[in-house]
Protein backbone atom coordinates (compact mmCIF):
# COMPACT_ATOMS: atom_id res chain seq x y z
CA MET A 1 -5.94 -24.96 3.13
CA ASN A 2 -6.82 -24.61 -0.51
CA HIS A 3 -6.60 -20.85 -1.06
CA TYR A 4 -3.50 -18.68 -0.83
CA ILE A 5 -3.38 -14.91 -0.49
CA TYR A 6 0.17 -14.26 -1.43
CA TYR A 7 2.70 -11.54 -1.99
CA THR A 8 5.76 -9.58 -0.84
CA VAL A 9 8.39 -12.28 -0.73
CA MET A 10 8.38 -12.86 -4.47
CA HIS A 11 11.26 -10.58 -5.43
CA ASP A 12 13.43 -7.68 -4.30
CA GLY A 13 12.55 -5.49 -7.26
CA SER A 14 15.33 -6.77 -9.49
CA GLU A 15 15.25 -10.56 -9.16
CA PRO A 16 13.13 -13.28 -7.53
CA TYR A 17 14.12 -14.47 -4.09
CA GLU A 18 15.77 -17.89 -4.18
CA GLY A 19 13.25 -20.70 -4.45
CA VAL A 20 10.16 -18.55 -5.02
CA LEU A 21 9.67 -19.52 -8.68
CA SER A 22 9.68 -23.20 -7.79
CA ALA A 23 7.36 -22.51 -4.83
CA VAL A 24 4.81 -20.90 -7.15
CA GLU A 25 5.12 -23.86 -9.52
CA GLY A 26 4.67 -26.32 -6.67
CA LEU A 27 1.64 -24.56 -5.24
CA LYS A 28 0.02 -24.39 -8.64
CA GLY A 29 0.68 -28.09 -9.18
CA ALA A 30 -0.91 -28.81 -5.80
CA GLY A 31 -4.08 -27.04 -6.87
CA LYS A 32 -3.68 -24.00 -4.63
CA LYS A 33 -5.18 -20.68 -5.70
CA MET A 34 -2.72 -17.81 -5.48
CA ILE A 35 -3.52 -14.11 -5.35
CA ILE A 36 -0.92 -11.39 -5.41
CA LEU A 37 -1.57 -8.42 -3.13
CA SER A 38 0.82 -5.68 -4.21
CA ASN A 39 1.25 -2.30 -2.55
CA SER A 40 2.65 -0.93 -5.78
CA SER A 41 1.10 2.37 -6.85
CA LYS A 42 1.23 1.16 -10.46
CA ARG A 43 -1.71 -0.29 -12.39
CA ARG A 44 -2.05 -4.05 -12.79
CA GLU A 45 -0.76 -4.20 -16.36
CA LYS A 46 2.59 -2.70 -15.34
CA SER A 47 2.90 -5.14 -12.46
CA GLU A 48 2.24 -8.00 -14.87
CA ARG A 49 5.03 -6.80 -17.15
CA MET A 50 7.37 -6.70 -14.17
CA LEU A 51 6.41 -10.25 -13.19
CA VAL A 52 7.15 -11.51 -16.69
CA LYS A 53 10.51 -9.75 -16.66
CA LEU A 54 11.36 -11.51 -13.39
CA GLY A 55 10.41 -14.94 -14.73
CA PHE A 56 6.88 -15.34 -13.35
CA ASN A 57 3.81 -16.27 -15.37
CA PRO A 58 0.94 -13.91 -14.43
CA SER A 59 -1.59 -16.54 -15.49
CA ASP A 60 -0.46 -18.70 -12.56
CA PHE A 61 -2.33 -16.34 -10.25
CA GLU A 62 -6.05 -16.17 -9.62
CA ASN A 63 -5.84 -12.40 -9.32
CA ILE A 64 -3.22 -9.64 -9.17
CA ILE A 65 -4.43 -6.78 -6.99
CA THR A 66 -2.41 -3.58 -6.83
CA SER A 67 -2.89 -0.54 -4.64
CA GLY A 68 -2.50 1.52 -7.80
CA ASP A 69 -5.50 -0.13 -9.44
CA ILE A 70 -7.72 0.31 -6.37
CA SER A 71 -6.65 3.93 -5.93
CA HIS A 72 -7.37 4.61 -9.61
CA SER A 73 -10.87 3.19 -9.19
CA LEU A 74 -11.40 5.29 -6.05
CA LEU A 75 -10.47 8.40 -8.01
CA GLN A 76 -13.29 7.50 -10.40
CA ASN A 77 -15.72 6.64 -7.59
CA ASP A 78 -15.86 3.13 -9.07
CA ALA A 79 -14.20 0.93 -6.45
CA GLU A 80 -17.33 -1.17 -6.07
CA SER A 81 -16.63 -2.64 -9.51
CA LEU A 82 -13.50 -4.22 -7.99
CA GLY A 83 -15.28 -5.52 -4.91
CA CYS A 84 -14.65 -2.85 -2.25
CA ARG A 85 -16.26 0.36 -1.00
CA ASN A 86 -15.63 3.83 -2.35
CA TRP A 87 -14.15 6.52 -0.09
CA ASP A 88 -16.97 8.88 0.84
CA VAL A 89 -14.64 11.89 0.74
CA LEU A 90 -13.67 11.17 -2.86
CA SER A 91 -17.23 10.27 -3.81
CA GLU A 92 -18.36 13.73 -2.77
CA LEU A 93 -15.54 15.44 -4.67
CA VAL A 94 -16.28 13.46 -7.83
CA THR A 95 -20.02 14.10 -7.56
CA ARG A 96 -19.39 17.83 -7.27
CA ASN A 97 -16.80 17.67 -10.07
CA ASN A 98 -14.11 19.03 -7.75
CA ARG A 99 -11.28 17.10 -9.34
CA ASN A 100 -8.07 19.10 -8.96
CA ALA A 101 -5.14 17.03 -7.71
CA TYR A 102 -1.66 17.86 -6.45
CA VAL A 103 0.66 14.89 -6.90
CA PHE A 104 3.62 13.51 -5.00
CA GLY A 105 4.78 11.13 -7.68
CA SER A 106 6.98 8.21 -8.61
CA GLY A 107 8.10 9.86 -11.84
CA ASP A 108 6.40 7.10 -13.81
CA ASP A 109 3.36 8.42 -15.72
CA ASP A 110 1.99 10.32 -12.73
CA GLU A 111 0.10 12.83 -14.86
CA ALA A 112 -1.44 10.10 -17.05
CA TYR A 113 -2.45 8.17 -13.93
CA VAL A 114 -4.41 11.12 -12.55
CA THR A 115 -5.89 12.47 -15.78
CA SER A 116 -7.03 9.03 -16.97
CA ALA A 117 -9.16 8.89 -13.83
CA GLY A 118 -10.81 12.20 -14.72
CA TRP A 119 -8.70 14.53 -12.56
CA THR A 120 -6.65 17.62 -13.43
CA LEU A 121 -3.23 18.47 -12.03
CA SER A 122 -3.26 21.72 -10.08
CA THR A 123 -1.33 23.90 -7.66
CA ILE A 124 -1.67 23.15 -3.99
CA GLU A 125 -3.73 26.33 -3.55
CA GLU A 126 -6.33 25.12 -6.07
CA ALA A 127 -6.20 21.41 -5.25
CA ASN A 128 -9.11 19.44 -3.83
CA LEU A 129 -6.94 16.40 -3.16
CA ILE A 130 -3.33 15.32 -2.69
CA VAL A 131 -2.38 12.08 -4.44
CA ALA A 132 0.73 10.38 -2.98
CA ARG A 133 2.02 7.82 -5.51
CA GLY A 134 5.75 8.08 -4.85
CA THR A 135 8.58 9.92 -3.18
CA PHE A 136 10.58 11.11 -6.18
CA THR A 137 8.69 13.98 -7.85
CA ILE A 138 6.17 16.75 -7.20
CA ASN A 139 3.80 17.66 -10.01
CA ASP A 140 1.20 20.43 -10.05
CA GLY A 141 0.70 20.60 -13.80
CA THR A 142 1.75 24.25 -14.08
CA SER A 143 5.46 24.43 -13.28
CA PRO A 144 8.25 21.99 -14.20
CA VAL A 145 8.11 18.69 -12.34
CA ILE A 146 10.32 18.87 -9.26
CA SER A 147 12.63 15.87 -9.04
CA LYS A 148 14.24 14.79 -5.78
CA THR A 149 17.14 13.20 -7.64
CA GLU A 150 17.87 16.42 -9.53
CA ASN A 151 17.33 18.95 -6.72
CA GLU A 152 16.72 17.34 -3.36
CA ALA A 153 16.81 20.58 -1.36
CA GLU A 154 14.12 22.13 -3.56
CA TYR A 155 12.03 18.95 -3.37
CA TRP A 156 11.90 19.00 0.44
CA LYS A 157 11.30 22.76 0.52
CA VAL A 158 8.33 22.53 -1.84
CA MET A 159 6.95 19.47 -0.07
CA GLU A 160 7.01 21.16 3.33
CA ARG A 161 5.28 24.25 1.96
CA ALA A 162 2.63 22.13 0.23
CA MET A 163 1.99 20.07 3.36
CA ALA A 164 1.54 23.20 5.46
CA CYS A 165 -0.82 24.79 2.93
CA ALA A 166 -2.90 21.61 2.54
CA ALA A 167 -3.08 20.99 6.29
CA ARG A 168 -4.38 24.50 6.84
CA ASP A 169 -7.28 23.78 4.48
CA LYS A 170 -7.67 20.15 5.66
CA LEU A 171 -7.30 18.73 2.16
CA PRO A 172 -7.74 14.95 1.93
CA MET A 173 -4.81 12.81 0.84
CA LEU A 174 -4.97 9.54 -1.11
CA VAL A 175 -1.90 7.35 -0.45
CA CYS A 176 -1.58 4.90 -3.33
CA ASN A 177 1.11 2.81 -1.63
CA PRO A 178 0.99 2.60 2.19
CA ASP A 179 4.51 1.16 2.53
CA LYS A 180 6.62 3.49 4.67
CA VAL A 181 10.06 2.28 3.61
CA ARG A 182 11.55 0.37 0.69
CA PRO A 183 13.71 -2.72 1.46
CA ASP A 184 16.81 -1.14 -0.08
CA GLU A 185 20.01 0.04 1.59
CA GLY A 186 19.11 2.64 4.18
CA LEU A 187 15.37 1.86 3.97
CA PRO A 188 14.44 4.94 1.88
CA PRO A 189 10.94 6.40 2.42
CA MET A 190 7.83 5.38 0.53
CA PRO A 191 4.40 7.09 0.16
CA GLY A 192 3.19 5.75 3.51
CA ALA A 193 5.77 8.00 5.15
CA ILE A 194 4.26 10.98 3.31
CA GLY A 195 0.89 10.02 4.78
CA ASP A 196 2.37 9.94 8.28
CA ALA A 197 3.99 13.33 7.80
CA TYR A 198 0.77 14.86 6.51
CA GLU A 199 -1.22 13.53 9.46
CA ARG A 200 1.24 15.28 11.78
CA PHE A 201 0.85 18.53 9.81
CA VAL A 202 -2.95 18.34 10.08
CA TRP A 203 -2.85 17.51 13.77
CA THR A 204 -0.34 20.17 14.80
CA THR A 205 -1.98 22.83 12.63
CA HIS A 206 -5.40 22.32 14.22
CA CYS A 207 -4.64 20.89 17.68
CA ASN A 208 -5.63 24.17 19.32
CA GLN A 209 -9.13 23.64 17.88
CA GLY A 210 -9.42 20.18 19.41
CA MET A 211 -7.84 18.13 16.62
CA THR A 212 -6.43 14.80 17.86
CA GLU A 213 -4.01 12.39 16.20
CA GLU A 214 -6.86 9.96 15.61
CA MET A 215 -8.98 12.67 13.99
CA ALA A 216 -6.09 13.66 11.72
CA ARG A 217 -6.04 10.11 10.31
CA GLU A 218 -9.47 10.71 8.79
CA PHE A 219 -7.90 13.06 6.24
CA VAL A 220 -5.55 10.38 4.88
CA LYS A 221 -6.81 7.37 2.93
CA ARG A 222 -4.21 4.63 2.60
CA VAL A 223 -4.89 1.96 -0.01
CA GLY A 224 -3.20 -1.43 0.18
CA LYS A 225 -1.97 -3.79 2.88
CA PRO A 226 -2.75 -3.68 5.79
CA PHE A 227 -6.00 -1.87 4.98
CA GLY A 228 -9.26 -3.56 4.20
CA GLU A 229 -9.89 -2.93 0.49
CA VAL A 230 -7.26 -5.34 -0.82
CA TYR A 231 -8.53 -8.16 1.40
CA ASP A 232 -12.15 -7.49 0.49
CA ILE A 233 -11.27 -7.82 -3.19
CA ALA A 234 -9.05 -10.87 -2.67
CA LEU A 235 -11.59 -12.73 -0.59
CA SER A 236 -14.34 -11.95 -3.09
CA SER A 237 -12.23 -13.49 -5.86
CA GLY A 238 -13.43 -16.90 -4.76
CA GLY A 239 -16.92 -16.33 -6.12
CA ASP A 240 -19.88 -16.28 -3.72
CA ASP A 241 -19.53 -13.30 -1.41
CA GLY A 242 -22.18 -14.36 1.11
CA ASP A 243 -21.30 -14.18 4.80
CA ASP A 244 -20.91 -17.95 5.25
CA GLU A 245 -18.79 -18.33 2.14
CA ASN A 246 -16.68 -15.31 3.07
CA LYS A 247 -16.02 -16.81 6.49
CA LYS A 248 -14.97 -20.10 4.89
CA MET A 249 -12.66 -18.23 2.54
CA ARG A 250 -10.93 -16.52 5.46
CA GLU A 251 -10.52 -19.83 7.25
CA ARG A 252 -8.96 -21.42 4.15
CA ALA A 253 -6.69 -18.50 3.29
CA ILE A 254 -3.17 -17.64 4.37
CA MET A 255 -1.17 -14.47 3.93
CA ILE A 256 2.47 -15.11 3.05
CA GLY A 257 4.62 -12.03 3.55
CA ASP A 258 7.75 -10.51 4.98
CA ALA A 259 6.57 -7.18 6.44
CA LEU A 260 5.10 -7.12 9.94
CA GLU A 261 3.47 -3.70 9.54
CA THR A 262 1.66 -4.46 6.30
CA ASP A 263 1.42 -8.21 5.69
CA VAL A 264 1.04 -9.55 9.23
CA VAL A 265 -0.97 -6.64 10.64
CA GLY A 266 -3.26 -6.71 7.60
CA SER A 267 -3.90 -10.42 7.74
CA ALA A 268 -4.84 -10.21 11.41
CA ALA A 269 -7.28 -7.37 10.74
CA ALA A 270 -8.82 -9.38 7.90
CA GLY A 271 -9.16 -12.53 10.01
CA VAL A 272 -6.64 -14.47 7.93
CA ASP A 273 -3.69 -16.51 9.20
CA ALA A 274 -0.21 -15.22 8.35
CA LEU A 275 3.03 -16.93 7.51
CA TRP A 276 5.88 -14.51 8.29
CA VAL A 277 8.89 -15.03 6.03
CA ARG A 278 11.73 -13.81 8.20
CA HIS A 279 14.96 -13.90 6.22
CA ASP A 280 13.81 -12.44 2.91
CA GLY A 281 12.48 -8.92 2.55
CA ILE A 282 12.37 -5.94 4.82
CA HIS A 283 13.26 -7.55 8.18
CA GLY A 284 15.83 -10.01 6.84
CA LYS A 285 18.98 -8.22 7.97
CA ASP A 286 17.59 -7.42 11.43
CA VAL A 287 16.37 -10.99 11.94
CA ILE A 288 19.82 -12.36 11.10
CA GLU A 289 21.48 -9.91 13.49
CA ARG A 290 19.01 -9.98 16.41
CA GLY A 291 16.77 -13.00 15.87
CA HIS A 292 13.10 -12.96 14.95
CA VAL A 293 11.97 -12.79 18.58
CA GLY A 294 13.90 -9.57 19.09
CA VAL A 295 12.50 -8.04 15.90
CA LEU A 296 8.95 -9.00 16.84
CA GLU A 297 9.35 -7.67 20.38
CA GLU A 298 10.69 -4.36 19.08
CA PHE A 299 7.83 -4.03 16.63
CA ASN A 300 5.22 -4.73 19.28
CA GLY A 301 6.99 -2.33 21.65
CA ASN A 302 6.37 0.42 19.10
CA ARG A 303 2.95 -0.77 17.96
CA GLU A 304 1.23 2.48 18.95
CA PHE A 305 3.21 4.19 16.18
CA THR A 306 2.57 1.65 13.42
CA TYR A 307 -0.42 0.51 11.37
CA ALA A 308 -1.12 -1.92 14.21
CA TYR A 309 -2.49 1.13 16.09
CA GLY A 310 -1.76 -0.50 19.44
CA ARG A 311 -2.68 -4.10 18.60
CA GLU A 312 -0.11 -6.80 19.32
CA VAL A 313 1.14 -8.70 16.28
CA VAL A 314 1.65 -12.47 16.51
CA PRO A 315 2.08 -14.33 13.19
CA ARG A 316 0.70 -17.86 13.38
CA TYR A 317 3.39 -19.43 11.17
CA LEU A 318 7.08 -18.73 10.61
CA ALA A 319 9.47 -19.61 7.79
CA ASP A 320 13.02 -18.53 7.02
CA HIS A 321 12.28 -18.35 3.27
CA PHE A 322 9.37 -19.01 0.97
CA ARG A 323 10.46 -22.15 -0.82
CA TRP A 324 8.87 -25.37 -1.96
């Protein structure tokens, strides 16, 4: 193999996992091409600053692809410039200049993120789109930003009302980070969980009119692993995007990650081998307590309710840690 698609087991948000810095150095010295696929809802430049802070050199990587960057390009109907398709739903809204957005945010420049893509913050009643960037704030541009850390009861109350109102009108939702939980104590929710909740609102609101769970998914666009856009961009980073060359790229690539639902499921869907890092990241504690076979069996037992959508997950390679 001479091409690596790589992410997830680099750091825990505050420091690199043991051995990862030397692994990156070793891979670079061996002539391997490394691409970071990040489900962060932030733009690339912020991710680069984080990497530097953690001791990485962004120039070591062939490309750094973030869900936040792709989502921002989708909001502008310009995803093709990155190497993936636009979302037809957003393309129509942009073409008609229907650009009012209601934002579930991270609390980190949410308004600037939306307005720099040509959209205006609005109430849920006037919104054409819900943007799910984070699980900490709610911002409609008219009233004070609602913060979960400052008033959690109000946050959940407003969120439930907004979900019900949006589901009634079948508003589309753009999820800028499909992760459902964060690998912190208690596995707190991430924007992917908002997407799941909204799908249930849409389905239950309209099930009497023939709405199914599968149909409800069409109203939620998730951007990032395990969905196709990030892999399309990564695999096009090698140059020639012809069918034969693309096939060769997939055969030479490997996805190195810790999360079964995003990294391993996504690599399988993209036709890329996966190396599952078991002891670092989101499954680490469970693997230590129950063994990786037990964790994998439990995941596959619930695969109907994950991004696998019923497909069995079997990583080709296993490693306890990602070290050189």
